[in-house]
Amino acid sequence: MESHDDLRQRNRKRRAALASERLDAAAQLLAAKLLALPEYRQARRIAAYFAVNGEIALTPVIDRALAEGKQVYLPNLDRQALRFSPYFHAQKMRINRFRLPEPDVDDSEMLAPADLDLVLAPLVVFDADCNRIGMGGGYYDRSFAFRKIPGNSRPRLIGVAHEMQKVDRIEPEEWDVRLDMVVTDQAIYQNSGTDL
């Protein structure tokens, strides 16, 4: 079985090579699936992200959520974990140490991960059991580690990806937080495990 680093490197290259027309089409297909989910319809506070390096874009979902009066949050790096900052179309942004855009807001405006209803999480690789490999920093796993405690089912964690990022099997690490669901431009995968 390939190592997590090998899977990560191979899939990042494949994703970054996607043409802009394919990225746009994938974002629209993904949005149609996400917007129809009860998890989306029932959520008031939604965490999303801005796509970089071929990640599947959430722009159509963000636009729709804001138009529907939902609150959208983007991740802000907070030492070794994430906090989530409010986002709206005129929001002033800053570039963090990983060269990723994040809302330029005061700490007092940020939400803790447990205060969200729905998290749309980026990933590099996933499998049909909703295991995920991210960029390797462990931010999502540390931030949502409380979801591993029995009875903690909020927020709902949905990974989003291109279908081509799926692999047959990922051997999870003990600290990995499994997703409730993965939605791609082609399919929806439900976590059938008993750990969430």
Protein backbone atom coordinates (compact mmCIF):
# COMPACT_ATOMS: atom_id res chain seq x y z
CA MET A 1 0.00 0.00 0.00
CA GLU A 2 1.29 3.48 -0.89
CA SER A 3 2.30 5.73 1.97
CA HIS A 4 0.18 8.76 2.83
CA ASP A 5 2.98 11.02 1.56
CA ASP A 6 3.15 9.18 -1.79
CA LEU A 7 -0.63 9.32 -2.21
CA ARG A 8 -0.63 12.99 -1.27
CA GLN A 9 2.14 13.92 -3.71
CA ARG A 10 0.66 11.97 -6.64
CA ASN A 11 -2.86 13.32 -6.16
CA ARG A 12 -1.75 16.92 -5.67
CA LYS A 13 0.06 16.78 -9.03
CA ARG A 14 -2.96 15.28 -10.80
CA ARG A 15 -5.31 17.84 -9.28
CA ALA A 16 -3.05 20.80 -10.11
CA ALA A 17 -2.94 19.70 -13.76
CA LEU A 18 -6.71 20.05 -14.28
CA ALA A 19 -7.78 22.58 -16.91
CA SER A 20 -9.81 25.61 -15.78
CA GLU A 21 -12.87 24.52 -17.82
CA ARG A 22 -12.86 21.18 -16.05
CA LEU A 23 -12.47 22.89 -12.66
CA ASP A 24 -15.45 25.17 -13.39
CA ALA A 25 -17.64 22.27 -14.51
CA ALA A 26 -16.65 20.19 -11.46
CA ALA A 27 -17.54 23.07 -9.12
CA GLN A 28 -21.03 23.32 -10.62
CA LEU A 29 -21.61 19.56 -10.40
CA LEU A 30 -20.39 19.53 -6.79
CA ALA A 31 -22.61 22.48 -5.85
CA ALA A 32 -25.72 20.77 -7.24
CA LYS A 33 -25.07 17.76 -4.99
CA LEU A 34 -24.17 19.75 -1.87
CA LEU A 35 -27.08 22.19 -2.09
CA ALA A 36 -29.56 19.31 -2.22
CA LEU A 37 -28.29 17.70 1.00
CA PRO A 38 -30.37 18.01 4.18
CA GLU A 39 -27.08 18.67 6.01
CA TYR A 40 -26.67 21.83 3.92
CA ARG A 41 -30.32 22.90 4.08
CA GLN A 42 -30.44 22.59 7.88
CA ALA A 43 -27.09 24.31 8.52
CA ARG A 44 -26.93 27.93 9.60
CA ARG A 45 -23.16 28.25 10.17
CA ILE A 46 -21.16 26.69 7.33
CA ALA A 47 -17.38 26.44 7.07
CA ALA A 48 -15.98 26.45 3.55
CA TYR A 49 -12.63 27.31 1.92
CA PHE A 50 -11.19 29.11 -1.10
CA ALA A 51 -9.82 26.61 -3.63
CA VAL A 52 -6.12 26.65 -4.54
CA ASN A 53 -3.90 24.40 -6.65
CA GLY A 54 -6.71 22.54 -8.40
CA GLU A 55 -8.89 21.96 -5.34
CA ILE A 56 -12.56 21.67 -6.20
CA ALA A 57 -14.09 25.13 -5.77
CA LEU A 58 -16.91 25.98 -3.39
CA THR A 59 -17.64 29.41 -4.88
CA PRO A 60 -21.15 28.47 -6.13
CA VAL A 61 -21.99 27.00 -2.70
CA ILE A 62 -20.64 30.04 -0.85
CA ASP A 63 -22.59 32.42 -3.10
CA ARG A 64 -25.82 30.47 -2.61
CA ALA A 65 -25.37 30.18 1.14
CA LEU A 66 -24.81 33.93 1.50
CA ALA A 67 -27.81 34.67 -0.73
CA GLU A 68 -29.94 32.42 1.52
CA GLY A 69 -28.85 34.29 4.65
CA LYS A 70 -26.62 31.53 5.99
CA GLN A 71 -23.39 32.43 7.77
CA VAL A 72 -20.23 31.38 5.93
CA TYR A 73 -16.90 30.94 7.69
CA LEU A 74 -13.40 30.33 6.34
CA PRO A 75 -10.55 28.70 8.26
CA ASN A 76 -7.96 30.82 10.05
CA LEU A 77 -4.78 29.19 11.30
CA ASP A 78 -4.51 29.48 15.06
CA ARG A 79 -1.17 27.98 16.11
CA GLN A 80 -1.76 24.22 15.70
CA ALA A 81 -5.52 24.25 15.08
CA LEU A 82 -8.18 26.14 13.17
CA ARG A 83 -10.66 28.78 14.09
CA PHE A 84 -13.25 29.99 11.65
CA SER A 85 -13.78 33.59 10.56
CA PRO A 86 -16.92 35.14 9.09
CA TYR A 87 -16.83 35.67 5.35
CA PHE A 88 -18.97 37.87 3.12
CA HIS A 89 -18.35 39.22 -0.39
CA ALA A 90 -16.73 42.50 0.66
CA GLN A 91 -14.66 40.84 3.40
CA LYS A 92 -11.08 42.11 3.70
CA MET A 93 -8.65 39.20 3.35
CA ARG A 94 -5.05 38.57 4.36
CA ILE A 95 -2.53 35.94 3.24
CA ASN A 96 -1.38 33.53 5.95
CA ARG A 97 2.02 31.87 6.34
CA PHE A 98 1.00 29.08 3.93
CA ARG A 99 0.09 31.71 1.29
CA LEU A 100 -3.61 30.96 1.68
CA PRO A 101 -6.26 33.70 1.90
CA GLU A 102 -8.10 34.06 5.19
CA PRO A 103 -10.50 36.71 6.51
CA ASP A 104 -8.75 39.64 8.17
CA VAL A 105 -10.86 39.82 11.33
CA ASP A 106 -10.34 40.33 15.04
CA ASP A 107 -9.95 37.20 17.19
CA SER A 108 -13.23 38.01 18.91
CA GLU A 109 -15.14 37.42 15.63
CA MET A 110 -13.78 33.90 15.14
CA LEU A 111 -15.76 30.74 15.91
CA ALA A 112 -14.43 27.61 17.55
CA PRO A 113 -14.84 24.44 15.44
CA ALA A 114 -17.55 23.09 17.77
CA ASP A 115 -19.75 26.14 17.08
CA LEU A 116 -20.23 25.28 13.39
CA ASP A 117 -23.15 23.31 11.95
CA LEU A 118 -21.46 22.05 8.78
CA VAL A 119 -17.84 21.86 7.65
CA LEU A 120 -16.97 21.48 3.97
CA ALA A 121 -13.42 20.21 4.25
CA PRO A 122 -10.77 20.15 1.54
CA LEU A 123 -8.74 17.00 1.06
CA VAL A 124 -6.08 15.52 -1.18
CA VAL A 125 -7.09 11.84 -1.13
CA PHE A 126 -10.14 9.92 0.16
CA ASP A 127 -11.66 6.47 0.10
CA ALA A 128 -15.23 5.19 -0.01
CA ASP A 129 -15.22 4.76 3.80
CA CYS A 130 -14.78 8.55 4.14
CA ASN A 131 -11.20 8.42 5.34
CA ARG A 132 -9.28 11.50 4.24
CA ILE A 133 -5.71 12.55 3.68
CA GLY A 134 -5.22 16.30 3.81
CA MET A 135 -2.21 18.47 3.10
CA GLY A 136 -0.25 16.93 5.96
CA GLY A 137 -0.41 19.66 8.59
CA GLY A 138 -3.04 17.90 10.71
CA TYR A 139 -5.06 21.08 11.24
CA TYR A 140 -8.47 19.54 10.55
CA ASP A 141 -7.76 16.42 12.60
CA ARG A 142 -6.59 18.44 15.62
CA SER A 143 -9.41 20.96 15.29
CA PHE A 144 -12.16 18.32 15.11
CA ALA A 145 -10.62 15.67 17.40
CA PHE A 146 -13.61 16.14 19.74
CA ARG A 147 -15.75 14.43 17.07
CA LYS A 148 -14.08 11.13 17.99
CA ILE A 149 -15.76 11.22 21.41
CA PRO A 150 -18.99 9.15 21.34
CA GLY A 151 -22.08 11.34 21.15
CA ASN A 152 -20.34 14.29 19.47
CA SER A 153 -22.02 14.39 16.07
CA ARG A 154 -21.74 18.14 15.37
CA PRO A 155 -20.64 19.78 13.28
CA ARG A 156 -21.27 17.51 10.31
CA LEU A 157 -17.99 16.95 8.44
CA ILE A 158 -18.26 16.65 4.67
CA GLY A 159 -15.15 16.27 2.57
CA VAL A 160 -15.27 17.68 -0.93
CA ALA A 161 -13.09 16.56 -3.81
CA HIS A 162 -12.80 15.64 -7.45
CA GLU A 163 -13.83 12.04 -8.06
CA MET A 164 -10.32 11.31 -9.38
CA GLN A 165 -8.95 11.90 -5.85
CA LYS A 166 -10.55 8.65 -4.65
CA VAL A 167 -8.35 5.64 -3.92
CA ASP A 168 -9.32 2.08 -3.04
CA ARG A 169 -8.30 2.23 0.60
CA ILE A 170 -6.64 4.52 3.11
CA GLU A 171 -5.22 3.03 6.27
CA PRO A 172 -6.23 5.66 8.85
CA GLU A 173 -3.87 6.87 11.54
CA GLU A 174 -5.12 6.80 15.14
CA TRP A 175 -5.49 10.61 15.19
CA ASP A 176 -7.46 10.82 11.93
CA VAL A 177 -11.03 12.09 12.19
CA ARG A 178 -13.21 10.27 9.70
CA LEU A 179 -15.64 12.35 7.65
CA ASP A 180 -19.41 11.86 7.80
CA MET A 181 -19.56 12.04 4.04
CA VAL A 182 -17.50 12.82 0.95
CA VAL A 183 -19.15 14.62 -1.97
CA THR A 184 -17.44 14.80 -5.35
CA ASP A 185 -18.40 16.12 -8.74
CA GLN A 186 -19.63 12.59 -9.54
CA ALA A 187 -20.83 10.85 -6.37
CA ILE A 188 -21.71 10.95 -2.68
CA TYR A 189 -20.02 8.59 -0.20
CA GLN A 190 -21.54 8.04 3.25
CA ASN A 191 -19.57 7.00 6.32
CA SER A 192 -21.10 3.68 7.30
CA GLY A 193 -18.79 3.23 10.29
CA THR A 194 -19.86 3.28 13.90
CA ASP A 195 -17.18 5.70 15.13
CA LEU A 196 -19.30 8.83 14.54
